[in-house]
């Protein structure tokens, strides 16, 4: 038996155990009803409450396309970026997004 097949069977077994536990908890406490749902994304689990839950279009709207980038900068520049994050109470992604969008907005006004 291949490792992949074993992993699938192991995952299915774990999912069955989780579903059984959630089902037993639901029946013992009907006040907080929870269902276990499998997302349309491969291998992701989600908990569905009696209202709302996993559905197409739910959740935070995308700010754009995500691409992974590796960036090498001097230690001094990284410290400035971290300081900007703290000053703006923002994530690194937000700070980089602001810097890049500001650059291109400025460039388009100049042309």
PDB file of N, CA and C in Angstrom:
ATOM      1  N   UNK A   1       0.847  -1.180   0.000  1.00  0.00           N
ATOM      2  CA  UNK A   1       0.000   0.000   0.000  1.00  0.00           C
ATOM      3  C   UNK A   1       0.890   1.240   0.000  1.00  0.00           C
ATOM      4  N   UNK A   2       0.588   2.185  -0.860  1.00  0.00           N
ATOM      5  CA  UNK A   2       1.413   3.388  -0.952  1.00  0.00           C
ATOM      6  C   UNK A   2       1.162   4.298   0.248  1.00  0.00           C
ATOM      7  N   UNK A   3       2.130   5.167   0.517  1.00  0.00           N
ATOM      8  CA  UNK A   3       1.997   6.124   1.613  1.00  0.00           C
ATOM      9  C   UNK A   3       0.793   7.028   1.403  1.00  0.00           C
ATOM     10  N   UNK A   4       0.560   7.420   0.124  1.00  0.00           N
ATOM     11  CA  UNK A   4      -0.553   8.314  -0.188  1.00  0.00           C
ATOM     12  C   UNK A   4      -1.879   7.661   0.190  1.00  0.00           C
ATOM     13  N   UNK A   5      -2.042   6.388  -0.158  1.00  0.00           N
ATOM     14  CA  UNK A   5      -3.288   5.674   0.151  1.00  0.00           C
ATOM     15  C   UNK A   5      -3.462   5.568   1.665  1.00  0.00           C
ATOM     16  N   UNK A   6      -2.371   5.281   2.381  1.00  0.00           N
ATOM     17  CA  UNK A   6      -2.428   5.193   3.835  1.00  0.00           C
ATOM     18  C   UNK A   6      -2.841   6.535   4.441  1.00  0.00           C
ATOM     19  N   UNK A   7      -2.254   7.636   3.907  1.00  0.00           N
ATOM     20  CA  UNK A   7      -2.582   8.967   4.419  1.00  0.00           C
ATOM     21  C   UNK A   7      -4.054   9.288   4.201  1.00  0.00           C
ATOM     22  N   UNK A   8      -4.604   8.926   3.042  1.00  0.00           N
ATOM     23  CA  UNK A   8      -6.022   9.161   2.776  1.00  0.00           C
ATOM     24  C   UNK A   8      -6.898   8.393   3.759  1.00  0.00           C
ATOM     25  N   UNK A   9      -6.574   7.107   3.979  1.00  0.00           N
ATOM     26  CA  UNK A   9      -7.359   6.301   4.905  1.00  0.00           C
ATOM     27  C   UNK A   9      -7.231   6.825   6.327  1.00  0.00           C
ATOM     28  N   UNK A  10      -6.024   7.251   6.706  1.00  0.00           N
ATOM     29  CA  UNK A  10      -5.797   7.813   8.035  1.00  0.00           C
ATOM     30  C   UNK A  10      -6.612   9.099   8.205  1.00  0.00           C
ATOM     31  N   UNK A  11      -6.573   9.987   7.179  1.00  0.00           N
ATOM     32  CA  UNK A  11      -7.341  11.237   7.222  1.00  0.00           C
ATOM     33  C   UNK A  11      -8.833  10.952   7.309  1.00  0.00           C
ATOM     34  N   UNK A  12      -9.318   9.979   6.528  1.00  0.00           N
ATOM     35  CA  UNK A  12     -10.737   9.635   6.560  1.00  0.00           C
ATOM     36  C   UNK A  12     -11.139   9.113   7.937  1.00  0.00           C
ATOM     37  N   UNK A  13     -10.254   8.334   8.548  1.00  0.00           N
ATOM     38  CA  UNK A  13     -10.531   7.828   9.888  1.00  0.00           C
ATOM     39  C   UNK A  13     -10.619   8.948  10.903  1.00  0.00           C
ATOM     40  N   UNK A  14      -9.715   9.894  10.814  1.00  0.00           N
ATOM     41  CA  UNK A  14      -9.721  11.037  11.726  1.00  0.00           C
ATOM     42  C   UNK A  14     -10.980  11.871  11.514  1.00  0.00           C
ATOM     43  N   UNK A  15     -11.353  12.091  10.243  1.00  0.00           N
ATOM     44  CA  UNK A  15     -12.572  12.850   9.959  1.00  0.00           C
ATOM     45  C   UNK A  15     -13.796  12.164  10.546  1.00  0.00           C
ATOM     46  N   UNK A  16     -13.851  10.844  10.448  1.00  0.00           N
ATOM     47  CA  UNK A  16     -14.984  10.104  11.021  1.00  0.00           C
ATOM     48  C   UNK A  16     -15.038  10.275  12.525  1.00  0.00           C
ATOM     49  N   UNK A  17     -13.875  10.222  13.177  1.00  0.00           N
ATOM     50  CA  UNK A  17     -13.829  10.417  14.632  1.00  0.00           C
ATOM     51  C   UNK A  17     -14.294  11.817  15.012  1.00  0.00           C
ATOM     52  N   UNK A  18     -13.843  12.827  14.261  1.00  0.00           N
ATOM     53  CA  UNK A  18     -14.242  14.207  14.548  1.00  0.00           C
ATOM     54  C   UNK A  18     -15.742  14.366  14.365  1.00  0.00           C
ATOM     55  N   UNK A  19     -16.270  13.835  13.266  1.00  0.00           N
ATOM     56  CA  UNK A  19     -17.713  13.937  13.014  1.00  0.00           C
ATOM     57  C   UNK A  19     -18.510  13.268  14.125  1.00  0.00           C
ATOM     58  N   UNK A  20     -18.049  12.100  14.588  1.00  0.00           N
ATOM     59  CA  UNK A  20     -18.744  11.391  15.663  1.00  0.00           C
ATOM     60  C   UNK A  20     -18.729  12.220  16.940  1.00  0.00           C
ATOM     61  N   UNK A  21     -17.596  12.826  17.265  1.00  0.00           N
ATOM     62  CA  UNK A  21     -17.480  13.645  18.469  1.00  0.00           C
ATOM     63  C   UNK A  21     -18.371  14.871  18.382  1.00  0.00           C
ATOM     64  N   UNK A  22     -18.335  15.548  17.233  1.00  0.00           N
ATOM     65  CA  UNK A  22     -19.154  16.741  17.058  1.00  0.00           C
ATOM     66  C   UNK A  22     -20.630  16.377  17.136  1.00  0.00           C
ATOM     67  N   UNK A  23     -21.012  15.259  16.499  1.00  0.00           N
ATOM     68  CA  UNK A  23     -22.402  14.822  16.526  1.00  0.00           C
ATOM     69  C   UNK A  23     -22.844  14.520  17.952  1.00  0.00           C
ATOM     70  N   UNK A  24     -22.002  13.836  18.727  1.00  0.00           N
ATOM     71  CA  UNK A  24     -22.375  13.526  20.113  1.00  0.00           C
ATOM     72  C   UNK A  24     -22.476  14.796  20.941  1.00  0.00           C
ATOM     73  N   UNK A  25     -21.598  15.764  20.688  1.00  0.00           N
ATOM     74  CA  UNK A  25     -21.666  17.033  21.409  1.00  0.00           C
ATOM     75  C   UNK A  25     -22.923  17.807  21.029  1.00  0.00           C
ATOM     76  N   UNK A  26     -23.324  17.725  19.771  1.00  0.00           N
ATOM     77  CA  UNK A  26     -24.523  18.431  19.314  1.00  0.00           C
ATOM     78  C   UNK A  26     -25.753  17.866  20.018  1.00  0.00           C
ATOM     79  N   UNK A  27     -25.860  16.554  20.055  1.00  0.00           N
ATOM     80  CA  UNK A  27     -27.046  15.956  20.652  1.00  0.00           C
ATOM     81  C   UNK A  27     -27.086  16.165  22.159  1.00  0.00           C
ATOM     82  N   UNK A  28     -25.929  16.263  22.806  1.00  0.00           N
ATOM     83  CA  UNK A  28     -25.920  16.474  24.249  1.00  0.00           C
ATOM     84  C   UNK A  28     -26.135  17.941  24.608  1.00  0.00           C
ATOM     85  N   UNK A  29     -25.883  18.851  23.677  1.00  0.00           N
ATOM     86  CA  UNK A  29     -26.037  20.273  23.949  1.00  0.00           C
ATOM     87  C   UNK A  29     -26.668  20.935  22.737  1.00  0.00           C
ATOM     88  N   UNK A  30     -27.987  20.880  22.654  1.00  0.00           N
ATOM     89  CA  UNK A  30     -28.672  21.392  21.470  1.00  0.00           C
ATOM     90  C   UNK A  30     -28.672  22.915  21.414  1.00  0.00           C
ATOM     91  N   UNK A  31     -28.264  23.577  22.514  1.00  0.00           N
ATOM     92  CA  UNK A  31     -28.226  25.037  22.532  1.00  0.00           C
ATOM     93  C   UNK A  31     -27.176  25.580  21.558  1.00  0.00           C
ATOM     94  N   UNK A  32     -26.019  24.958  21.511  1.00  0.00           N
ATOM     95  CA  UNK A  32     -24.926  25.393  20.638  1.00  0.00           C
ATOM     96  C   UNK A  32     -24.746  24.383  19.517  1.00  0.00           C
ATOM     97  N   UNK A  33     -25.605  24.409  18.539  1.00  0.00           N
ATOM     98  CA  UNK A  33     -25.555  23.425  17.466  1.00  0.00           C
ATOM     99  C   UNK A  33     -24.416  23.723  16.508  1.00  0.00           C
ATOM    100  N   UNK A  34     -23.641  22.679  16.218  1.00  0.00           N
ATOM    101  CA  UNK A  34     -22.511  22.790  15.304  1.00  0.00           C
ATOM    102  C   UNK A  34     -22.540  21.581  14.383  1.00  0.00           C
ATOM    103  N   UNK A  35     -22.268  21.825  13.097  1.00  0.00           N
ATOM    104  CA  UNK A  35     -22.129  20.732  12.143  1.00  0.00           C
ATOM    105  C   UNK A  35     -20.726  20.805  11.577  1.00  0.00           C
ATOM    106  N   UNK A  36     -20.192  19.663  11.223  1.00  0.00           N
ATOM    107  CA  UNK A  36     -18.881  19.618  10.603  1.00  0.00           C
ATOM    108  C   UNK A  36     -19.091  19.554   9.100  1.00  0.00           C
ATOM    109  N   UNK A  37     -18.493  20.483   8.375  1.00  0.00           N
ATOM    110  CA  UNK A  37     -18.653  20.506   6.938  1.00  0.00           C
ATOM    111  C   UNK A  37     -17.312  20.455   6.243  1.00  0.00           C
ATOM    112  N   UNK A  38     -17.297  19.890   5.076  1.00  0.00           N
ATOM    113  CA  UNK A  38     -16.076  19.825   4.278  1.00  0.00           C
ATOM    114  C   UNK A  38     -16.183  20.896   3.210  1.00  0.00           C
ATOM    115  N   UNK A  39     -15.179  21.748   3.157  1.00  0.00           N
ATOM    116  CA  UNK A  39     -15.156  22.855   2.215  1.00  0.00           C
ATOM    117  C   UNK A  39     -15.007  22.337   0.795  1.00  0.00           C
ATOM    118  N   UNK A  40     -15.278  23.219  -0.161  1.00  0.00           N
ATOM    119  CA  UNK A  40     -15.051  22.861  -1.564  1.00  0.00           C
ATOM    120  C   UNK A  40     -13.565  22.838  -1.874  1.00  0.00           C
ATOM    121  N   UNK A  41     -12.748  23.415  -0.987  1.00  0.00           N
ATOM    122  CA  UNK A  41     -11.296  23.370  -1.159  1.00  0.00           C
ATOM    123  C   UNK A  41     -10.798  22.044  -0.614  1.00  0.00           C
ATOM    124  N   UNK A  42      -9.957  21.376  -1.346  1.00  0.00           N
ATOM    125  CA  UNK A  42      -9.495  20.043  -1.003  1.00  0.00           C
ATOM    126  C   UNK A  42      -8.852  19.976   0.376  1.00  0.00           C
ATOM    127  N   UNK A  43      -9.366  19.085   1.204  1.00  0.00           N
ATOM    128  CA  UNK A  43      -8.743  18.788   2.479  1.00  0.00           C
ATOM    129  C   UNK A  43      -8.997  19.786   3.584  1.00  0.00           C
ATOM    130  N   UNK A  44      -9.891  20.736   3.407  1.00  0.00           N
ATOM    131  CA  UNK A  44     -10.151  21.713   4.450  1.00  0.00           C
ATOM    132  C   UNK A  44     -11.459  21.402   5.147  1.00  0.00           C
ATOM    133  N   UNK A  45     -11.432  21.490   6.466  1.00  0.00           N
ATOM    134  CA  UNK A  45     -12.630  21.288   7.260  1.00  0.00           C
ATOM    135  C   UNK A  45     -13.172  22.627   7.708  1.00  0.00           C
ATOM    136  N   UNK A  46     -14.446  22.673   7.921  1.00  0.00           N
ATOM    137  CA  UNK A  46     -15.058  23.884   8.453  1.00  0.00           C
ATOM    138  C   UNK A  46     -16.157  23.506   9.413  1.00  0.00           C
ATOM    139  N   UNK A  47     -16.387  24.345  10.386  1.00  0.00           N
ATOM    140  CA  UNK A  47     -17.467  24.113  11.321  1.00  0.00           C
ATOM    141  C   UNK A  47     -18.635  24.981  10.919  1.00  0.00           C
ATOM    142  N   UNK A  48     -19.783  24.375  10.777  1.00  0.00           N
ATOM    143  CA  UNK A  48     -20.981  25.085  10.363  1.00  0.00           C
ATOM    144  C   UNK A  48     -21.895  25.241  11.563  1.00  0.00           C
ATOM    145  N   UNK A  49     -22.296  26.445  11.865  1.00  0.00           N
ATOM    146  CA  UNK A  49     -23.238  26.666  12.933  1.00  0.00           C
ATOM    147  C   UNK A  49     -24.634  26.595  12.341  1.00  0.00           C
ATOM    148  N   UNK A  50     -25.650  26.624  13.181  1.00  0.00           N
ATOM    149  CA  UNK A  50     -27.010  26.477  12.675  1.00  0.00           C
ATOM    150  C   UNK A  50     -27.379  27.592  11.708  1.00  0.00           C
ATOM    151  N   UNK A  51     -26.702  28.718  11.818  1.00  0.00           N
ATOM    152  CA  UNK A  51     -26.924  29.827  10.888  1.00  0.00           C
ATOM    153  C   UNK A  51     -25.591  30.211  10.266  1.00  0.00           C
ATOM    154  N   UNK A  52     -25.605  30.568   9.010  1.00  0.00           N
ATOM    155  CA  UNK A  52     -24.363  30.954   8.336  1.00  0.00           C
ATOM    156  C   UNK A  52     -23.534  29.739   7.997  1.00  0.00           C
ATOM    157  N   UNK A  53     -22.268  29.935   7.812  1.00  0.00           N
ATOM    158  CA  UNK A  53     -21.378  28.817   7.553  1.00  0.00           C
ATOM    159  C   UNK A  53     -20.696  28.904   6.205  1.00  0.00           C
ATOM    160  N   UNK A  54     -20.131  27.778   5.797  1.00  0.00           N
ATOM    161  CA  UNK A  54     -19.398  27.730   4.540  1.00  0.00           C
ATOM    162  C   UNK A  54     -20.372  27.855   3.376  1.00  0.00           C
ATOM    163  N   UNK A  55     -20.186  28.881   2.612  1.00  0.00           N
ATOM    164  CA  UNK A  55     -20.995  29.058   1.419  1.00  0.00           C
ATOM    165  C   UNK A  55     -20.209  29.901   0.432  1.00  0.00           C
ATOM    166  N   UNK A  56     -20.523  29.766  -0.807  1.00  0.00           N
ATOM    167  CA  UNK A  56     -19.825  30.487  -1.863  1.00  0.00           C
ATOM    168  C   UNK A  56     -19.966  31.989  -1.645  1.00  0.00           C
ATOM    169  N   UNK A  57     -18.859  32.704  -1.704  1.00  0.00           N
ATOM    170  CA  UNK A  57     -18.889  34.156  -1.558  1.00  0.00           C
ATOM    171  C   UNK A  57     -18.825  34.652  -0.127  1.00  0.00           C
ATOM    172  N   UNK A  58     -18.806  33.735   0.849  1.00  0.00           N
ATOM    173  CA  UNK A  58     -18.757  34.148   2.248  1.00  0.00           C
ATOM    174  C   UNK A  58     -17.341  34.534   2.624  1.00  0.00           C
ATOM    175  N   UNK A  59     -17.216  35.353   3.637  1.00  0.00           N
ATOM    176  CA  UNK A  59     -15.898  35.707   4.161  1.00  0.00           C
ATOM    177  C   UNK A  59     -15.401  37.045   3.664  1.00  0.00           C
ATOM    178  N   UNK A  60     -14.181  37.366   4.068  1.00  0.00           N
ATOM    179  CA  UNK A  60     -13.565  38.638   3.717  1.00  0.00           C
ATOM    180  C   UNK A  60     -13.296  38.689   2.220  1.00  0.00           C
ATOM    181  N   UNK A  61     -13.607  39.809   1.628  1.00  0.00           N
ATOM    182  CA  UNK A  61     -13.382  39.974   0.194  1.00  0.00           C
ATOM    183  C   UNK A  61     -11.897  40.187  -0.073  1.00  0.00           C
ATOM    184  N   UNK A  62     -11.449  39.694  -1.188  1.00  0.00           N
ATOM    185  CA  UNK A  62     -10.045  39.770  -1.572  1.00  0.00           C
ATOM    186  C   UNK A  62      -9.647  41.199  -1.902  1.00  0.00           C
ATOM    187  N   UNK A  63      -8.405  41.550  -1.533  1.00  0.00           N
ATOM    188  CA  UNK A  63      -7.891  42.867  -1.902  1.00  0.00           C
ATOM    189  C   UNK A  63      -7.129  42.799  -3.213  1.00  0.00           C
ATOM    190  N   UNK A  64      -6.982  41.617  -3.767  1.00  0.00           N
ATOM    191  CA  UNK A  64      -6.261  41.457  -5.021  1.00  0.00           C
ATOM    192  C   UNK A  64      -5.736  40.050  -5.165  1.00  0.00           C
ATOM    193  N   UNK A  65      -4.753  39.883  -6.005  1.00  0.00           N
ATOM    194  CA  UNK A  65      -4.144  38.583  -6.273  1.00  0.00           C
ATOM    195  C   UNK A  65      -2.964  38.390  -5.329  1.00  0.00           C
ATOM    196  N   UNK A  66      -2.877  37.229  -4.696  1.00  0.00           N
ATOM    197  CA  UNK A  66      -1.779  36.939  -3.787  1.00  0.00           C
ATOM    198  C   UNK A  66      -0.669  36.221  -4.525  1.00  0.00           C
ATOM    199  N   UNK A  67       0.538  36.761  -4.412  1.00  0.00           N
ATOM    200  CA  UNK A  67       1.723  36.123  -4.976  1.00  0.00           C
ATOM    201  C   UNK A  67       2.795  36.135  -3.907  1.00  0.00           C
ATOM    202  N   UNK A  68       3.456  35.022  -3.741  1.00  0.00           N
ATOM    203  CA  UNK A  68       4.516  34.909  -2.752  1.00  0.00           C
ATOM    204  C   UNK A  68       5.794  35.515  -3.321  1.00  0.00           C
ATOM    205  N   UNK A  69       6.449  36.348  -2.513  1.00  0.00           N
ATOM    206  CA  UNK A  69       7.653  37.037  -2.943  1.00  0.00           C
ATOM    207  C   UNK A  69       8.689  36.940  -1.834  1.00  0.00           C
ATOM    208  N   UNK A  70       9.921  36.713  -2.205  1.00  0.00           N
ATOM    209  CA  UNK A  70      11.028  36.738  -1.256  1.00  0.00           C
ATOM    210  C   UNK A  70      11.793  38.021  -1.501  1.00  0.00           C
ATOM    211  N   UNK A  71      12.079  38.749  -0.431  1.00  0.00           N
ATOM    212  CA  UNK A  71      12.676  40.066  -0.576  1.00  0.00           C
ATOM    213  C   UNK A  71      13.888  40.185   0.336  1.00  0.00           C
ATOM    214  N   UNK A  72      15.011  40.574  -0.233  1.00  0.00           N
ATOM    215  CA  UNK A  72      16.222  40.772   0.544  1.00  0.00           C
ATOM    216  C   UNK A  72      16.483  42.268   0.671  1.00  0.00           C
ATOM    217  N   UNK A  73      16.526  42.724   1.920  1.00  0.00           N
ATOM    218  CA  UNK A  73      16.796  44.130   2.213  1.00  0.00           C
ATOM    219  C   UNK A  73      17.809  44.198   3.344  1.00  0.00           C
ATOM    220  N   UNK A  74      18.425  45.352   3.509  1.00  0.00           N
ATOM    221  CA  UNK A  74      19.381  45.519   4.606  1.00  0.00           C
ATOM    222  C   UNK A  74      18.632  45.466   5.942  1.00  0.00           C
ATOM    223  N   UNK A  75      19.373  45.197   6.991  1.00  0.00           N
ATOM    224  CA  UNK A  75      18.795  45.134   8.328  1.00  0.00           C
ATOM    225  C   UNK A  75      18.157  46.476   8.706  1.00  0.00           C
ATOM    226  N   UNK A  76      18.797  47.581   8.300  1.00  0.00           N
ATOM    227  CA  UNK A  76      18.274  48.914   8.613  1.00  0.00           C
ATOM    228  C   UNK A  76      16.907  49.139   7.967  1.00  0.00           C
ATOM    229  N   UNK A  77      16.750  48.716   6.710  1.00  0.00           N
ATOM    230  CA  UNK A  77      15.468  48.891   6.011  1.00  0.00           C
ATOM    231  C   UNK A  77      14.400  48.020   6.671  1.00  0.00           C
ATOM    232  N   UNK A  78      14.759  46.788   7.039  1.00  0.00           N
ATOM    233  CA  UNK A  78      13.784  45.925   7.718  1.00  0.00           C
ATOM    234  C   UNK A  78      13.334  46.550   9.035  1.00  0.00           C
ATOM    235  N   UNK A  79      14.264  47.177   9.752  1.00  0.00           N
ATOM    236  CA  UNK A  79      13.903  47.835  11.002  1.00  0.00           C
ATOM    237  C   UNK A  79      12.942  48.994  10.741  1.00  0.00           C
ATOM    238  N   UNK A  80      13.171  49.730   9.664  1.00  0.00           N
ATOM    239  CA  UNK A  80      12.257  50.829   9.304  1.00  0.00           C
ATOM    240  C   UNK A  80      10.873  50.293   8.950  1.00  0.00           C
ATOM    241  N   UNK A  81      10.838  49.183   8.243  1.00  0.00           N
ATOM    242  CA  UNK A  81       9.550  48.570   7.883  1.00  0.00           C
ATOM    243  C   UNK A  81       8.823  48.108   9.141  1.00  0.00           C
ATOM    244  N   UNK A  82       9.537  47.457  10.046  1.00  0.00           N
ATOM    245  CA  UNK A  82       8.919  47.002  11.301  1.00  0.00           C
ATOM    246  C   UNK A  82       8.413  48.191  12.114  1.00  0.00           C
ATOM    247  N   UNK A  83       9.166  49.294  12.108  1.00  0.00           N
ATOM    248  CA  UNK A  83       8.731  50.499  12.818  1.00  0.00           C
ATOM    249  C   UNK A  83       7.471  51.072  12.176  1.00  0.00           C
ATOM    250  N   UNK A  84       7.414  51.062  10.839  1.00  0.00           N
ATOM    251  CA  UNK A  84       6.220  51.537  10.130  1.00  0.00           C
ATOM    252  C   UNK A  84       5.015  50.665  10.481  1.00  0.00           C
ATOM    253  N   UNK A  85       5.238  49.370  10.597  1.00  0.00           N
ATOM    254  CA  UNK A  85       4.150  48.461  10.988  1.00  0.00           C
ATOM    255  C   UNK A  85       3.617  48.840  12.363  1.00  0.00           C
ATOM    256  N   UNK A  86       4.531  49.092  13.307  1.00  0.00           N
ATOM    257  CA  UNK A  86       4.128  49.456  14.667  1.00  0.00           C
ATOM    258  C   UNK A  86       3.425  50.818  14.672  1.00  0.00           C
ATOM    259  N   UNK A  87       3.989  51.797  13.955  1.00  0.00           N
ATOM    260  CA  UNK A  87       3.408  53.141  13.918  1.00  0.00           C
ATOM    261  C   UNK A  87       2.007  53.149  13.317  1.00  0.00           C
ATOM    262  N   UNK A  88       1.815  52.343  12.271  1.00  0.00           N
ATOM    263  CA  UNK A  88       0.530  52.319  11.565  1.00  0.00           C
ATOM    264  C   UNK A  88      -0.410  51.253  12.101  1.00  0.00           C
ATOM    265  N   UNK A  89       0.071  50.474  13.074  1.00  0.00           N
ATOM    266  CA  UNK A  89      -0.704  49.342  13.592  1.00  0.00           C
ATOM    267  C   UNK A  89      -1.189  48.477  12.420  1.00  0.00           C
ATOM    268  N   UNK A  90      -0.254  48.116  11.561  1.00  0.00           N
ATOM    269  CA  UNK A  90      -0.572  47.402  10.323  1.00  0.00           C
ATOM    270  C   UNK A  90       0.364  46.208  10.154  1.00  0.00           C
ATOM    271  N   UNK A  91      -0.067  45.259   9.350  1.00  0.00           N
ATOM    272  CA  UNK A  91       0.767  44.104   9.033  1.00  0.00           C
ATOM    273  C   UNK A  91       1.838  44.507   8.021  1.00  0.00           C
ATOM    274  N   UNK A  92       2.843  43.655   7.871  1.00  0.00           N
ATOM    275  CA  UNK A  92       3.868  43.914   6.857  1.00  0.00           C
ATOM    276  C   UNK A  92       3.230  43.992   5.477  1.00  0.00           C
ATOM    277  N   UNK A  93       2.303  43.102   5.217  1.00  0.00           N
ATOM    278  CA  UNK A  93       1.633  43.110   3.907  1.00  0.00           C
ATOM    279  C   UNK A  93       0.945  44.445   3.651  1.00  0.00           C
ATOM    280  N   UNK A  94       0.268  44.963   4.664  1.00  0.00           N
ATOM    281  CA  UNK A  94      -0.412  46.252   4.492  1.00  0.00           C
ATOM    282  C   UNK A  94       0.593  47.374   4.236  1.00  0.00           C
ATOM    283  N   UNK A  95       1.707  47.377   4.973  1.00  0.00           N
ATOM    284  CA  UNK A  95       2.724  48.415   4.792  1.00  0.00           C
ATOM    285  C   UNK A  95       3.322  48.328   3.388  1.00  0.00           C
ATOM    286  N   UNK A  96       3.685  47.117   2.956  1.00  0.00           N
ATOM    287  CA  UNK A  96       4.229  46.964   1.607  1.00  0.00           C
ATOM    288  C   UNK A  96       3.202  47.377   0.554  1.00  0.00           C
ATOM    289  N   UNK A  97       1.949  46.988   0.748  1.00  0.00           N
ATOM    290  CA  UNK A  97       0.896  47.345  -0.199  1.00  0.00           C
ATOM    291  C   UNK A  97       0.782  48.865  -0.293  1.00  0.00           C
ATOM    292  N   UNK A  98       0.787  49.554   0.853  1.00  0.00           N
ATOM    293  CA  UNK A  98       0.697  51.022   0.857  1.00  0.00           C
ATOM    294  C   UNK A  98       1.877  51.660   0.139  1.00  0.00           C
ATOM    295  N   UNK A  99       3.083  51.151   0.397  1.00  0.00           N
ATOM    296  CA  UNK A  99       4.285  51.694  -0.245  1.00  0.00           C
ATOM    297  C   UNK A  99       4.206  51.514  -1.762  1.00  0.00           C
ATOM    298  N   UNK A 100       3.869  50.309  -2.193  1.00  0.00           N
ATOM    299  CA  UNK A 100       3.841  50.009  -3.636  1.00  0.00           C
ATOM    300  C   UNK A 100       2.719  50.765  -4.328  1.00  0.00           C
ATOM    301  N   UNK A 101       1.509  50.767  -3.740  1.00  0.00           N
ATOM    302  CA  UNK A 101       0.392  51.485  -4.364  1.00  0.00           C
ATOM    303  C   UNK A 101       0.672  52.987  -4.409  1.00  0.00           C
ATOM    304  N   UNK A 102       1.295  53.510  -3.336  1.00  0.00           N
ATOM    305  CA  UNK A 102       1.661  54.927  -3.317  1.00  0.00           C
ATOM    306  C   UNK A 102       2.660  55.262  -4.404  1.00  0.00           C
ATOM    307  N   UNK A 103       3.628  54.383  -4.613  1.00  0.00           N
ATOM    308  CA  UNK A 103       4.633  54.604  -5.659  1.00  0.00           C
ATOM    309  C   UNK A 103       3.967  54.667  -7.031  1.00  0.00           C
ATOM    310  N   UNK A 104       3.099  53.706  -7.328  1.00  0.00           N
ATOM    311  CA  UNK A 104       2.484  53.676  -8.652  1.00  0.00           C
ATOM    312  C   UNK A 104       1.455  54.780  -8.827  1.00  0.00           C
ATOM    313  N   UNK A 105       0.785  55.198  -7.772  1.00  0.00           N
ATOM    314  CA  UNK A 105      -0.158  56.310  -7.855  1.00  0.00           C
ATOM    315  C   UNK A 105       0.606  57.605  -8.148  1.00  0.00           C
ATOM    316  N   UNK A 106       1.747  57.790  -7.475  1.00  0.00           N
ATOM    317  CA  UNK A 106       2.588  58.972  -7.686  1.00  0.00           C
ATOM    318  C   UNK A 106       3.142  58.974  -9.107  1.00  0.00           C
ATOM    319  N   UNK A 107       3.589  57.805  -9.554  1.00  0.00           N
ATOM    320  CA  UNK A 107       4.161  57.690 -10.904  1.00  0.00           C
ATOM    321  C   UNK A 107       3.135  58.010 -11.976  1.00  0.00           C
ATOM    322  N   UNK A 108       1.889  57.572 -11.780  1.00  0.00           N
ATOM    323  CA  UNK A 108       0.856  57.810 -12.806  1.00  0.00           C
ATOM    324  C   UNK A 108       0.440  59.291 -12.828  1.00  0.00           C
ATOM    325  N   UNK A 109       0.527  60.000 -11.681  1.00  0.00           N
ATOM    326  CA  UNK A 109       0.211  61.427 -11.650  1.00  0.00           C
ATOM    327  C   UNK A 109       1.282  62.238 -12.369  1.00  0.00           C
ATOM    328  N   UNK A 110       2.536  61.763 -12.309  1.00  0.00           N
ATOM    329  CA  UNK A 110       3.649  62.469 -12.929  1.00  0.00           C
ATOM    330  C   UNK A 110       3.650  62.336 -14.449  1.00  0.00           C
ATOM    331  N   UNK A 111       3.010  61.290 -14.959  1.00  0.00           N
ATOM    332  CA  UNK A 111       3.055  61.080 -16.421  1.00  0.00           C
ATOM    333  C   UNK A 111       1.859  61.666 -17.138  1.00  0.00           C
TER     334      UNK A 111
END
